């Protein structure tokens, strides 16, 4: 995963005052996957569009802001 995307997810999450657990619950994306995205353990090529949209919706931002 590109560092910029990982940083953006983390930055938007922190701006909303959310923990990874809260983001996982609100987005429906498994917390381990959120952790992988933020820690660069997962490649963005492996992030599904469904997960990207769910995370963006939970963070109240446009999915294009994250990508």
Protein backbone atom coordinates (compact mmCIF):
# COMPACT_ATOMS: atom_id res chain seq x y z
CA UNK A 1 0.00 0.00 0.00
CA UNK A 2 1.28 3.43 -0.76
CA UNK A 3 2.38 5.34 2.29
CA UNK A 4 0.23 8.32 1.30
CA UNK A 5 -2.97 6.28 1.40
CA UNK A 6 -2.06 4.72 4.75
CA UNK A 7 -1.33 8.18 6.13
CA UNK A 8 -4.60 9.56 4.77
CA UNK A 9 -6.71 6.83 6.34
CA UNK A 10 -5.00 7.36 9.67
CA UNK A 11 -5.23 11.16 9.45
CA UNK A 12 -8.94 11.16 8.59
CA UNK A 13 -9.63 8.63 11.34
CA UNK A 14 -7.81 10.70 13.95
CA UNK A 15 -9.55 13.91 12.81
CA UNK A 16 -12.83 12.18 13.50
CA UNK A 17 -11.54 11.12 16.92
CA UNK A 18 -12.03 7.46 16.04
CA UNK A 19 -10.06 4.44 17.13
CA UNK A 20 -9.27 1.67 14.67
CA UNK A 21 -11.91 -0.41 16.44
CA UNK A 22 -14.53 2.31 15.96
CA UNK A 23 -13.62 2.70 12.29
CA UNK A 24 -13.88 -1.05 11.81
CA UNK A 25 -17.29 -1.15 13.44
CA UNK A 26 -18.63 1.85 11.53
CA UNK A 27 -17.25 0.73 8.17
CA UNK A 28 -17.89 -2.99 8.52
CA UNK A 29 -14.26 -3.66 7.59
CA UNK A 30 -12.44 -6.10 9.86
CA UNK A 31 -10.21 -4.34 12.39
CA UNK A 32 -7.21 -6.44 11.33
CA UNK A 33 -7.65 -5.17 7.79
CA UNK A 34 -7.79 -1.56 9.03
CA UNK A 35 -4.59 -2.21 10.98
CA UNK A 36 -2.94 -3.69 7.90
CA UNK A 37 -3.93 -0.73 5.74
CA UNK A 38 -2.58 1.78 8.25
CA UNK A 39 0.63 -0.11 8.96
CA UNK A 40 1.42 -0.70 5.27
CA UNK A 41 1.18 -4.46 5.81
CA UNK A 42 -1.34 -4.64 3.01
CA UNK A 43 -0.95 -3.44 -0.55
CA UNK A 44 -3.58 -1.02 -1.87
CA UNK A 45 -3.87 -3.25 -4.88
CA UNK A 46 -5.46 -5.70 -2.45
CA UNK A 47 -7.88 -3.13 -1.02
CA UNK A 48 -11.27 -3.84 -2.51
CA UNK A 49 -13.38 -1.01 -3.84
CA UNK A 50 -16.04 -2.12 -1.37
CA UNK A 51 -13.62 -1.62 1.55
CA UNK A 52 -12.36 1.70 0.21
CA UNK A 53 -15.91 3.03 -0.11
CA UNK A 54 -16.91 1.68 3.32
CA UNK A 55 -13.89 3.30 4.98
CA UNK A 56 -14.48 6.60 3.19
CA UNK A 57 -18.16 6.58 4.19
CA UNK A 58 -17.26 5.86 7.81
CA UNK A 59 -14.74 8.69 7.74
CA UNK A 60 -17.28 10.99 6.07
CA UNK A 61 -15.02 11.75 3.13
CA UNK A 62 -15.08 11.05 -0.58
CA UNK A 63 -13.37 7.82 -1.56
CA UNK A 64 -11.33 9.85 -4.08
CA UNK A 65 -9.80 11.75 -1.15
CA UNK A 66 -8.22 8.51 0.04
CA UNK A 67 -7.06 7.24 -3.33
